[in-house]
Amino acid sequence: MRRSGPLAVLTPFLKKLPTDHKFVIEIRSKTWLDARFADVLREYNVALALTDTSFVPRPWEMKEKFGLITADFAYVRWLGDRKKIGKQTTTWDKTIIDREIDLKNWVELFRRLVTDKDVREILAFMNNHYSDHAPAGVKLFLDLWNKKK
């Protein structure tokens, strides 16, 4: 299949990646988020970073539904909105934005992923800009994860 646009550049790059490492691609433009892009990543076992940002929809907000898991592992980045939180604080010592509802959605997604036999592990990263205090945000996620359904 002949690929055009960004995929015409990305595909030759993916072909050259060593297969004994894990690779993730995080996109910053929602125009890339489609089944064709996901299929190309899946072909090379490259994970599509699942993100919680202001510029790309979260998995449950996707208008076009397609398989977002493109590798044998999942990679999640909770980044938040740097500009919005930067207007509210300049310190990173306490929670500014309550992310409980959002993290409940992430817990539901993680629960589905851990039952998927094709996903061997989930790697996740939380930035201070997500809720203003990453350690508290991670603790909230773990508390929600450990809660009985």
Foldseek 3Di string as FASTA:
>chain_A
DQDDDPCNVVLVVLVPDDLVDAAEDEDQAQVCPDQVNLQSLLVSQHAYEQEAEDRHDGQVPDPDDDDRGRHLAYEYEYEYYQVVVVVVDDAQDDFDDDCLVVLLVVLVVVVVQVVDPSHPYYHYYYDCNNGSHVVVVVVSSVVSNPDDD
